[in-house]
């Protein structure tokens, strides 16, 4: 859950919804990194709810290491907009904390 001040949530185990978001941005990640991922499994995430939608920090297991993703999913009037990749940090470890970043 997000804090009372509207900050980032605590780090939580990835859910089916988190994995769905990862699948939706996988092509964007591959384009940005120049990689072709066989494994792309969400393991942890944090979120931040704002008026315009939800921001996600997601730790994704990509084989030998982990990538951290910043993803935004806008809140439409009737339907949310598709998730959009905002940044990728590659070559992270299992124990690296999920911290907000900009690319």
Protein backbone atom coordinates (compact mmCIF):
# COMPACT_ATOMS: atom_id res chain seq x y z
CA UNK A 1 0.00 0.00 0.00
CA UNK A 2 1.08 3.57 -0.65
CA UNK A 3 1.87 5.76 2.30
CA UNK A 4 -0.56 8.41 3.55
CA UNK A 5 1.58 11.08 1.89
CA UNK A 6 1.13 9.53 -1.55
CA UNK A 7 4.63 8.06 -1.66
CA UNK A 8 5.86 4.79 -3.08
CA UNK A 9 4.48 1.61 -1.54
CA UNK A 10 6.67 -0.86 0.28
CA UNK A 11 8.31 -3.54 -1.87
CA UNK A 12 5.89 -6.42 -2.41
CA UNK A 13 5.98 -9.81 -4.12
CA UNK A 14 4.92 -9.62 -7.76
CA UNK A 15 1.36 -10.57 -8.59
CA UNK A 16 -0.33 -11.93 -11.69
CA UNK A 17 -1.24 -8.31 -12.56
CA UNK A 18 2.41 -7.24 -12.22
CA UNK A 19 3.47 -10.03 -14.58
CA UNK A 20 0.79 -8.98 -17.07
CA UNK A 21 2.20 -5.43 -17.07
CA UNK A 22 5.70 -6.86 -17.67
CA UNK A 23 4.49 -8.85 -20.66
CA UNK A 24 2.87 -5.71 -22.08
CA UNK A 25 6.14 -3.71 -21.93
CA UNK A 26 8.56 -6.53 -22.79
CA UNK A 27 8.91 -5.38 -26.40
CA UNK A 28 9.66 -1.83 -25.23
CA UNK A 29 12.32 -3.16 -22.82
CA UNK A 30 13.94 -5.27 -25.55
CA UNK A 31 14.01 -2.30 -27.89
CA UNK A 32 15.60 -0.03 -25.26
CA UNK A 33 18.18 -2.58 -24.07
CA UNK A 34 18.93 -4.30 -27.39
CA UNK A 35 18.36 -7.65 -25.67
CA UNK A 36 16.04 -10.54 -26.53
CA UNK A 37 14.78 -12.04 -23.27
CA UNK A 38 13.85 -15.70 -22.97
CA UNK A 39 13.08 -15.29 -19.29
CA UNK A 40 11.11 -12.24 -18.14
CA UNK A 41 9.56 -12.89 -14.73
CA UNK A 42 8.37 -10.18 -12.36
CA UNK A 43 9.53 -10.93 -8.81
CA UNK A 44 9.00 -7.72 -6.78
CA UNK A 45 7.28 -4.39 -7.27
CA UNK A 46 6.38 -1.04 -5.76
CA UNK A 47 3.69 1.35 -6.91
CA UNK A 48 2.71 4.99 -6.63
CA UNK A 49 -0.86 6.09 -7.30
CA UNK A 50 -1.28 9.56 -8.78
CA UNK A 51 -4.24 11.38 -10.31
CA UNK A 52 -3.12 10.50 -13.85
CA UNK A 53 -2.51 6.81 -13.19
CA UNK A 54 -0.17 4.40 -11.47
CA UNK A 55 3.62 4.31 -11.58
CA UNK A 56 5.36 0.97 -11.04
CA UNK A 57 8.89 -0.05 -10.13
CA UNK A 58 9.25 -3.71 -11.07
CA UNK A 59 12.16 -6.12 -10.50
CA UNK A 60 12.25 -8.62 -13.38
CA UNK A 61 14.35 -11.79 -13.45
CA UNK A 62 15.88 -11.93 -16.94
CA UNK A 63 18.15 -14.97 -16.66
CA UNK A 64 21.59 -14.34 -15.19
CA UNK A 65 20.53 -11.13 -13.43
CA UNK A 66 17.66 -8.70 -12.91
CA UNK A 67 16.35 -5.58 -14.61
CA UNK A 68 14.50 -2.82 -12.78
CA UNK A 69 11.70 -1.22 -14.79
CA UNK A 70 9.83 2.05 -14.35
CA UNK A 71 6.39 1.71 -15.93
CA UNK A 72 3.43 4.10 -16.03
CA UNK A 73 -0.16 3.06 -16.60
CA UNK A 74 -2.50 5.98 -17.12
CA UNK A 75 -6.01 6.11 -15.80
CA UNK A 76 -8.42 6.71 -18.67
CA UNK A 77 -12.00 7.86 -18.22
CA UNK A 78 -13.43 4.41 -18.97
CA UNK A 79 -10.40 2.22 -19.63
CA UNK A 80 -6.84 2.57 -18.38
CA UNK A 81 -4.25 3.33 -21.02
CA UNK A 82 -1.71 0.59 -21.85
CA UNK A 83 1.42 0.51 -19.70
CA UNK A 84 4.35 2.53 -20.99
CA UNK A 85 8.01 1.91 -20.18
CA UNK A 86 9.76 4.97 -18.71
CA UNK A 87 13.13 3.45 -17.86
CA UNK A 88 15.28 0.35 -17.43
CA UNK A 89 18.23 -0.34 -15.13
CA UNK A 90 20.06 -3.50 -16.20
CA UNK A 91 22.42 -5.88 -14.41
CA UNK A 92 20.89 -5.60 -10.96
CA UNK A 93 21.08 -8.33 -8.33
CA UNK A 94 18.38 -10.21 -6.47
CA UNK A 95 19.09 -8.09 -3.37
CA UNK A 96 19.30 -4.63 -5.00
CA UNK A 97 16.48 -2.46 -3.59
CA UNK A 98 13.79 -1.09 -5.89
CA UNK A 99 14.41 2.66 -5.82
CA UNK A 100 12.83 5.32 -8.07
CA UNK A 101 15.03 6.34 -11.00
CA UNK A 102 14.85 8.23 -14.27
CA UNK A 103 16.45 7.17 -17.55
